[in-house]
Amino acid sequence: MWFNFLRTILILLFLAAPALVAFSQRTPGPPASHEISVYHQRHIIRSTYLNEERSILVRVPPGYDRYDRSTESYPVIYMLDGHGSYLSMMPGIIESQSWGGQMPEVILVSIQNTDRTRDLTPTRTERAGSGNSGGGDKFLDFLQNEVMPLVEKSYRTAPYRIFAGHSLGGLAVVYSFVSRPDMFNAYIAASPVLHWDKGFVLKRAEEVLKQNKNWNKTMFVAVGDEPDYIDGFNSFKNLLDKAKPKNFSYEFRQFKDDNHGSVPLPAYYAGLRKIFKGWALPPVQSLKEMEDHYRELSKKFGYEIKPPEDILNQLGFELLRAKNVAGAIEAFKRNAELYPASANTYDSLASAYEADGDLKKARELFEKAYKMAETSGEAGLAKSSKENFERLTAKLK
């Protein structure tokens, strides 16, 4: 049922997408509202590996250019088949799940195709319709040595990469794991063509999985109602079940109500939920409990993950409502330390000091908040902070 609901929401987004999808330079602006952004920036790469011009489209989170987020970094999803409905489908999934706290905001890099069969297959075969196949290694060279350096130089990326692809793209995703396991941290393969060239990638996987290695990876593999794909799907799952690789979290799921064309939506949604399982903050009663949660996430994903500003702010006000003023001040002070460019953190901290009876400190912080908000163009916050500053100024006379 929930997939049907999700499909309905995303279909509405797709209908709106022609008017929304655009390719433009990013421009700094006021704080973003929770709106789905399907704007992308196009980069043209003259590839020496592929001997042609290639196009990638990069979508950053809404609010990426906000004045108070200038030091934030984001995991990166590299998605194959960067065209058509994928350019609205994946942002819709990302925004709904990041807004709901189930995953972080991410940078999405969509790779546009020229010759899918050439680029996404690991070997050349003579089977009917195989065309100019077998360029998979050159394509991975292109991604690793031309696309990734451009993205990591141009954008604030965290050291966590996800590779997602469908059909031959799913085959390329699995091949990247067996041929270059250090290239990505997590994988989503929808309907991978694992029967390609008599199961070439499956044979490679069997050899690779013999390595006694601590993988620290996550993989999600999906198929729809696709009889031609199910044998490869089951064979790969059996290989992993038998090998029991260390610290390798994986899930295989069949969506029997979907076909080859419709399966990317549930696969990408469920794949991201699998990769970021445990991301959502459970109920907490203190700053320590919250920071413990994000410390564990940092350990799991391999980079520093801070409590988000709005989540910390919410905790502070919950503590304030519970009459735990000392706890609220502690939470708001930590928020101001983590996000010193945010006027809102000082406004909230001022409210806690006022509740504690320290009117001079509260007035000082309201003044700082309104002046910062005026500079950043946050008219509503500037107005309310200034009114509070003036109210306390009159009270202290």
Protein backbone atom coordinates (compact mmCIF):
# COMPACT_ATOMS: atom_id res chain seq x y z
CA MET A 1 0.00 0.00 0.00
CA TRP A 2 2.74 2.46 0.90
CA PHE A 3 4.43 1.91 -2.46
CA ASN A 4 1.17 2.78 -4.21
CA PHE A 5 0.98 5.97 -2.14
CA LEU A 6 4.61 6.81 -2.94
CA ARG A 7 3.99 6.22 -6.63
CA THR A 8 1.01 8.59 -6.56
CA ILE A 9 3.09 11.36 -4.97
CA LEU A 10 5.93 10.91 -7.43
CA ILE A 11 3.61 10.73 -10.44
CA LEU A 12 2.28 14.15 -9.41
CA LEU A 13 5.88 15.33 -9.21
CA PHE A 14 6.63 13.91 -12.67
CA LEU A 15 3.65 15.80 -14.10
CA ALA A 16 5.03 19.01 -12.67
CA ALA A 17 8.61 18.23 -13.61
CA PRO A 18 8.66 19.63 -17.18
CA ALA A 19 8.04 23.07 -15.74
CA LEU A 20 10.55 22.60 -12.94
CA VAL A 21 13.54 20.73 -14.32
CA ALA A 22 16.24 23.10 -15.45
CA PHE A 23 19.99 23.29 -15.69
CA SER A 24 21.48 26.41 -14.18
CA GLN A 25 24.26 27.89 -12.11
CA ARG A 26 23.53 27.83 -8.39
CA THR A 27 22.85 31.23 -6.85
CA PRO A 28 22.97 31.94 -3.11
CA GLY A 29 19.64 32.87 -1.59
CA PRO A 30 17.65 33.01 1.61
CA PRO A 31 17.00 29.86 3.65
CA ALA A 32 15.23 27.24 1.57
CA SER A 33 11.81 25.92 2.45
CA HIS A 34 11.11 22.18 2.34
CA GLU A 35 10.43 22.07 -1.38
CA ILE A 36 11.68 19.38 -3.71
CA SER A 37 14.44 20.74 -5.90
CA VAL A 38 14.79 19.14 -9.33
CA TYR A 39 17.24 21.72 -10.60
CA HIS A 40 20.55 20.37 -11.82
CA GLN A 41 23.83 21.90 -12.94
CA ARG A 42 25.24 20.47 -16.15
CA HIS A 43 28.95 19.75 -16.55
CA ILE A 44 30.47 18.79 -19.90
CA ILE A 45 33.55 16.58 -19.70
CA ARG A 46 35.84 15.90 -22.63
CA SER A 47 36.75 12.36 -21.67
CA THR A 48 40.15 11.02 -22.60
CA TYR A 49 39.06 7.51 -21.56
CA LEU A 50 35.91 7.45 -23.69
CA ASN A 51 37.22 9.75 -26.42
CA GLU A 52 34.05 11.82 -26.49
CA GLU A 53 32.21 14.60 -24.71
CA ARG A 54 30.07 13.42 -21.82
CA SER A 55 27.46 15.21 -19.77
CA ILE A 56 26.78 14.86 -16.06
CA LEU A 57 24.02 16.59 -14.11
CA VAL A 58 24.58 17.54 -10.47
CA ARG A 59 21.80 18.31 -8.01
CA VAL A 60 22.65 19.74 -4.60
CA PRO A 61 20.32 19.83 -1.59
CA PRO A 62 17.94 22.79 -1.24
CA GLY A 63 19.73 25.35 0.89
CA TYR A 64 23.20 24.14 -0.18
CA ASP A 65 24.28 27.77 -0.75
CA ARG A 66 22.80 29.18 2.43
CA TYR A 67 25.17 31.48 4.31
CA ASP A 68 25.00 29.23 7.40
CA ARG A 69 25.73 25.97 5.56
CA SER A 70 29.00 26.95 3.93
CA THR A 71 30.94 24.22 5.75
CA GLU A 72 28.41 21.39 5.38
CA SER A 73 29.45 18.37 3.31
CA TYR A 74 27.22 15.68 1.82
CA PRO A 75 27.41 12.02 0.70
CA VAL A 76 27.19 11.55 -3.06
CA ILE A 77 24.92 9.28 -5.10
CA TYR A 78 26.29 8.48 -8.57
CA MET A 79 23.26 7.42 -10.60
CA LEU A 80 23.41 5.88 -14.05
CA ASP A 81 20.74 6.58 -16.70
CA GLY A 82 20.63 10.28 -15.80
CA HIS A 83 17.71 11.21 -18.02
CA GLY A 84 13.92 11.40 -18.19
CA SER A 85 11.95 10.39 -15.14
CA TYR A 86 15.07 9.55 -13.12
CA LEU A 87 15.84 13.27 -12.83
CA SER A 88 12.62 13.85 -10.89
CA MET A 89 12.13 10.41 -9.34
CA MET A 90 15.39 10.26 -7.38
CA PRO A 91 15.20 13.85 -6.03
CA GLY A 92 11.64 13.10 -4.90
CA ILE A 93 12.80 10.03 -2.98
CA ILE A 94 15.80 11.85 -1.51
CA GLU A 95 13.83 14.88 -0.36
CA SER A 96 10.96 12.93 1.17
CA GLN A 97 13.35 10.72 3.13
CA SER A 98 15.82 13.42 4.21
CA TRP A 99 12.98 15.71 5.27
CA GLY A 100 11.54 12.82 7.27
CA GLY A 101 14.91 12.26 8.96
CA GLN A 102 15.44 8.81 7.45
CA MET A 103 18.62 9.74 5.56
CA PRO A 104 20.94 12.71 5.16
CA GLU A 105 20.67 15.27 2.42
CA VAL A 106 22.91 14.18 -0.44
CA ILE A 107 24.45 15.40 -3.67
CA LEU A 108 23.06 13.55 -6.68
CA VAL A 109 25.28 13.07 -9.75
CA SER A 110 23.36 11.76 -12.76
CA ILE A 111 25.45 10.26 -15.57
CA GLN A 112 23.86 10.72 -18.99
CA ASN A 113 24.24 7.96 -21.57
CA THR A 114 25.57 7.87 -25.09
CA ASP A 115 26.04 4.11 -25.65
CA ARG A 116 24.69 2.08 -22.73
CA THR A 117 25.69 -1.30 -24.07
CA ARG A 118 29.27 -0.21 -24.66
CA ASP A 119 29.73 1.54 -21.31
CA LEU A 120 27.78 -0.64 -18.92
CA THR A 121 28.96 -4.12 -19.89
CA PRO A 122 32.20 -5.72 -18.67
CA THR A 123 32.93 -7.95 -21.67
CA ARG A 124 32.41 -7.99 -25.41
CA THR A 125 30.00 -10.66 -26.65
CA GLU A 126 28.63 -11.56 -30.04
CA ARG A 127 25.09 -12.19 -28.88
CA ALA A 128 22.27 -10.63 -30.90
CA GLY A 129 21.76 -7.00 -29.96
CA SER A 130 24.94 -6.77 -27.90
CA GLY A 131 26.34 -4.09 -30.20
CA ASN A 132 29.58 -2.42 -29.23
CA SER A 133 29.81 -4.08 -25.83
CA GLY A 134 32.62 -4.55 -23.34
CA GLY A 135 33.63 -0.99 -22.45
CA GLY A 136 32.85 -1.30 -18.75
CA ASP A 137 36.40 -0.79 -17.51
CA LYS A 138 36.93 2.34 -19.60
CA PHE A 139 33.64 3.69 -18.29
CA LEU A 140 34.71 3.05 -14.69
CA ASP A 141 38.00 4.81 -15.51
CA PHE A 142 35.91 7.77 -16.69
CA LEU A 143 33.91 7.79 -13.46
CA GLN A 144 36.87 7.28 -11.16
CA ASN A 145 39.40 9.58 -12.82
CA GLU A 146 37.31 12.27 -14.49
CA VAL A 147 33.83 12.50 -12.96
CA MET A 148 34.67 11.99 -9.29
CA PRO A 149 37.60 14.44 -9.19
CA LEU A 150 35.41 17.09 -10.85
CA VAL A 151 32.57 16.53 -8.39
CA GLU A 152 34.83 16.44 -5.34
CA LYS A 153 36.66 19.58 -6.43
CA SER A 154 33.51 21.54 -7.29
CA TYR A 155 31.19 20.51 -4.45
CA ARG A 156 31.39 19.92 -0.71
CA THR A 157 31.37 16.14 -0.68
CA ALA A 158 31.61 13.79 2.29
CA PRO A 159 33.74 10.66 1.82
CA TYR A 160 30.76 8.38 1.26
CA ARG A 161 29.78 7.30 -2.28
CA ILE A 162 26.72 5.37 -3.43
CA PHE A 163 26.43 3.80 -6.90
CA ALA A 164 22.93 3.22 -8.34
CA GLY A 165 21.90 1.72 -11.67
CA HIS A 166 19.13 -0.16 -13.44
CA SER A 167 19.28 -3.08 -15.89
CA LEU A 168 22.68 -2.84 -17.64
CA GLY A 169 23.30 -0.04 -15.15
CA GLY A 170 22.65 -2.55 -12.36
CA LEU A 171 25.18 -4.88 -13.99
CA ALA A 172 27.72 -2.02 -14.01
CA VAL A 173 27.03 -1.38 -10.31
CA VAL A 174 27.76 -5.00 -9.36
CA TYR A 175 30.78 -5.09 -11.69
CA SER A 176 32.24 -2.02 -9.97
CA PHE A 177 32.08 -3.94 -6.69
CA VAL A 178 33.86 -7.04 -7.99
CA SER A 179 36.45 -5.13 -10.03
CA ARG A 180 37.07 -1.96 -7.95
CA PRO A 181 35.74 -2.57 -4.45
CA ASP A 182 37.33 0.58 -3.03
CA MET A 183 35.48 2.88 -5.42
CA PHE A 184 32.09 2.99 -3.64
CA ASN A 185 30.77 2.50 -0.13
CA ALA A 186 27.26 1.33 -1.04
CA TYR A 187 25.38 -0.03 -4.05
CA ILE A 188 21.83 -0.17 -5.40
CA ALA A 189 21.37 -2.54 -8.35
CA ALA A 190 17.87 -2.66 -9.86
CA SER A 191 17.23 -5.58 -12.24
CA PRO A 192 20.94 -6.18 -12.88
CA VAL A 193 21.66 -8.21 -16.03
CA LEU A 194 23.76 -10.74 -14.12
CA HIS A 195 23.30 -13.38 -16.82
CA TRP A 196 25.49 -11.25 -19.14
CA ASP A 197 28.17 -13.31 -20.89
CA LYS A 198 27.28 -16.57 -19.15
CA GLY A 199 27.38 -15.00 -15.70
CA PHE A 200 30.82 -13.35 -16.07
CA VAL A 201 30.29 -10.96 -13.15
CA LEU A 202 28.95 -13.73 -10.91
CA LYS A 203 32.12 -15.73 -11.51
CA ARG A 204 34.22 -12.69 -10.62
CA ALA A 205 32.10 -12.15 -7.50
CA GLU A 206 32.75 -15.71 -6.36
CA GLU A 207 36.50 -15.10 -6.52
CA VAL A 208 36.35 -11.67 -4.87
CA LEU A 209 34.20 -12.91 -1.99
CA LYS A 210 36.86 -15.46 -1.07
CA GLN A 211 38.96 -12.58 0.25
CA ASN A 212 39.01 -12.59 4.03
CA LYS A 213 38.24 -8.88 4.18
CA ASN A 214 36.36 -6.46 6.40
CA TRP A 215 34.24 -4.89 3.67
CA ASN A 216 32.27 -2.17 5.50
CA LYS A 217 29.81 -1.93 2.62
CA THR A 218 26.07 -2.04 1.96
CA MET A 219 24.36 -3.50 -1.11
CA PHE A 220 20.71 -3.64 -2.15
CA VAL A 221 19.70 -5.75 -5.17
CA ALA A 222 16.17 -5.84 -6.57
CA VAL A 223 14.18 -7.38 -9.40
CA GLY A 224 10.57 -7.16 -10.47
CA ASP A 225 8.47 -9.89 -12.03
CA GLU A 226 11.28 -10.72 -14.49
CA PRO A 227 11.83 -14.42 -15.22
CA ASP A 228 14.95 -13.72 -17.32
CA TYR A 229 16.65 -11.97 -14.40
CA ILE A 230 15.69 -14.11 -11.43
CA ASP A 231 18.36 -16.81 -11.87
CA GLY A 232 21.21 -14.30 -11.74
CA PHE A 233 19.54 -12.53 -8.82
CA ASN A 234 19.26 -15.78 -6.84
CA SER A 235 22.78 -16.90 -7.77
CA PHE A 236 24.31 -13.67 -6.49
CA LYS A 237 22.34 -13.86 -3.26
CA ASN A 238 23.46 -17.46 -2.75
CA LEU A 239 27.09 -16.43 -3.26
CA LEU A 240 26.82 -13.79 -0.54
CA ASP A 241 24.92 -16.10 1.81
CA LYS A 242 27.63 -18.72 1.40
CA ALA A 243 30.59 -16.33 1.69
CA LYS A 244 29.23 -14.43 4.72
CA PRO A 245 31.54 -11.46 4.07
CA LYS A 246 32.55 -9.52 7.18
CA ASN A 247 30.75 -6.26 7.83
CA PHE A 248 28.92 -6.48 4.50
CA SER A 249 25.24 -5.60 4.88
CA TYR A 250 23.09 -6.72 1.96
CA GLU A 251 19.48 -7.29 1.02
CA PHE A 252 17.86 -8.91 -2.02
CA ARG A 253 14.21 -8.17 -2.68
CA GLN A 254 11.78 -9.07 -5.43
CA PHE A 255 8.95 -6.64 -6.18
CA LYS A 256 6.49 -9.01 -7.80
CA ASP A 257 3.98 -6.29 -8.67
CA ASP A 258 6.58 -4.44 -10.77
CA ASN A 259 8.06 -5.07 -14.18
CA HIS A 260 11.43 -4.16 -15.66
CA GLY A 261 10.38 -0.60 -16.37
CA SER A 262 8.68 0.18 -13.06
CA VAL A 263 11.06 -1.48 -10.59
CA PRO A 264 13.59 1.39 -10.24
CA LEU A 265 11.20 3.43 -8.07
CA PRO A 266 10.67 0.85 -5.29
CA ALA A 267 14.25 -0.39 -5.67
CA TYR A 268 15.85 3.04 -5.23
CA TYR A 269 13.54 3.91 -2.34
CA ALA A 270 14.12 0.63 -0.51
CA GLY A 271 17.82 0.71 -1.37
CA LEU A 272 18.33 4.09 0.26
CA ARG A 273 16.35 2.96 3.30
CA LYS A 274 18.63 -0.07 3.55
CA ILE A 275 21.83 1.97 3.22
CA PHE A 276 20.74 4.53 5.81
CA LYS A 277 19.03 2.12 8.19
CA GLY A 278 19.39 3.49 11.71
CA TRP A 279 19.89 7.08 10.55
CA ALA A 280 16.68 8.37 12.10
CA LEU A 281 17.06 9.79 15.58
CA PRO A 282 15.20 7.75 18.22
CA PRO A 283 13.46 9.53 21.11
CA VAL A 284 16.11 11.19 23.30
CA GLN A 285 15.95 12.98 26.64
CA SER A 286 19.27 14.81 26.64
CA LEU A 287 22.03 16.34 24.55
CA LYS A 288 24.32 13.44 25.46
CA GLU A 289 21.88 10.87 24.07
CA MET A 290 21.57 12.84 20.84
CA GLU A 291 25.31 13.26 20.43
CA ASP A 292 25.86 9.56 21.16
CA HIS A 293 23.51 8.71 18.28
CA TYR A 294 25.40 10.89 15.79
CA ARG A 295 28.75 9.65 17.11
CA GLU A 296 27.66 6.10 16.27
CA LEU A 297 26.53 7.20 12.81
CA SER A 298 29.90 8.86 12.24
CA LYS A 299 31.63 5.60 13.15
CA LYS A 300 29.36 3.60 10.83
CA PHE A 301 29.65 5.87 7.78
CA GLY A 302 33.27 6.88 8.25
CA TYR A 303 33.00 10.66 8.46
CA GLU A 304 31.91 13.22 11.05
CA ILE A 305 28.13 13.58 11.21
CA LYS A 306 26.85 16.45 13.33
CA PRO A 307 23.38 16.70 14.89
CA PRO A 308 21.35 18.83 12.45
CA GLU A 309 20.64 22.38 13.59
CA ASP A 310 16.86 22.04 13.52
CA ILE A 311 16.94 18.75 15.47
CA LEU A 312 19.16 20.26 18.16
CA ASN A 313 16.93 23.31 18.30
CA GLN A 314 13.85 21.12 18.74
CA LEU A 315 15.52 19.25 21.61
CA GLY A 316 16.33 22.56 23.32
CA PHE A 317 12.72 23.73 23.22
CA GLU A 318 11.43 20.35 24.38
CA LEU A 319 13.74 20.61 27.40
CA LEU A 320 12.59 24.18 27.96
CA ARG A 321 8.93 23.10 27.94
CA ALA A 322 9.83 20.36 30.44
CA LYS A 323 11.27 23.07 32.76
CA ASN A 324 14.78 21.64 32.30
CA VAL A 325 16.30 25.07 31.68
CA ALA A 326 19.89 23.97 32.32
CA GLY A 327 19.51 21.16 29.77
CA ALA A 328 17.97 23.56 27.26
CA ILE A 329 20.84 26.03 27.65
CA GLU A 330 23.31 23.18 27.17
CA ALA A 331 21.57 22.08 23.93
CA PHE A 332 21.25 25.62 22.53
CA LYS A 333 24.88 26.44 23.38
CA ARG A 334 26.00 23.32 21.54
CA ASN A 335 23.90 24.33 18.54
CA ALA A 336 25.56 27.75 18.46
CA GLU A 337 28.99 26.08 18.64
CA LEU A 338 28.18 23.77 15.74
CA TYR A 339 26.39 26.40 13.63
CA PRO A 340 27.96 29.77 14.53
CA ALA A 341 26.73 31.42 11.31
CA SER A 342 23.07 30.79 12.16
CA ALA A 343 21.20 33.69 13.76
CA ASN A 344 18.48 31.31 14.89
CA THR A 345 20.82 29.45 17.28
CA TYR A 346 21.50 32.68 19.21
CA ASP A 347 17.82 33.64 19.25
CA SER A 348 16.95 30.25 20.77
CA LEU A 349 19.77 30.45 23.30
CA ALA A 350 18.54 33.91 24.31
CA SER A 351 15.10 32.47 25.04
CA ALA A 352 16.65 29.88 27.36
CA TYR A 353 18.70 32.48 29.24
CA GLU A 354 15.58 34.60 29.66
CA ALA A 355 13.77 31.58 31.10
CA ASP A 356 16.71 31.16 33.47
CA GLY A 357 16.37 34.78 34.64
CA ASP A 358 19.62 36.01 33.07
CA LEU A 359 18.06 38.97 31.23
CA LYS A 360 21.35 40.71 30.45
CA LYS A 361 22.73 37.63 28.68
CA ALA A 362 19.42 37.11 26.90
CA ARG A 363 19.36 40.72 25.67
CA GLU A 364 22.94 40.40 24.41
CA LEU A 365 22.06 37.28 22.43
CA PHE A 366 18.81 38.73 21.01
CA GLU A 367 20.86 41.70 19.79
CA LYS A 368 23.40 39.40 18.14
CA ALA A 369 20.61 37.36 16.55
CA TYR A 370 18.73 40.31 15.05
CA LYS A 371 21.88 41.91 13.64
CA MET A 372 22.98 38.63 12.05
CA ALA A 373 19.47 38.04 10.69
CA GLU A 374 19.35 41.53 9.17
CA THR A 375 22.69 40.87 7.44
CA SER A 376 21.51 37.51 6.09
CA GLY A 377 18.14 38.83 4.92
CA GLU A 378 15.98 36.85 7.38
CA ALA A 379 13.40 39.56 7.85
CA GLY A 380 11.00 37.62 10.10
CA LEU A 381 13.69 36.44 12.49
CA ALA A 382 15.33 39.89 12.52
CA LYS A 383 12.00 41.50 13.44
CA SER A 384 11.14 39.11 16.29
CA SER A 385 14.69 39.10 17.72
CA LYS A 386 14.84 42.89 17.65
CA GLU A 387 11.47 43.16 19.39
CA ASN A 388 12.72 40.84 22.12
CA PHE A 389 15.95 42.84 22.41
CA GLU A 390 14.01 46.09 22.79
CA ARG A 391 11.59 44.51 25.27
CA LEU A 392 14.44 43.35 27.51
CA THR A 393 16.26 46.66 27.11
CA ALA A 394 13.19 48.46 28.48
CA LYS A 395 12.84 45.89 31.25
CA LEU A 396 16.46 46.33 32.38
CA LYS A 397 16.28 50.13 32.64
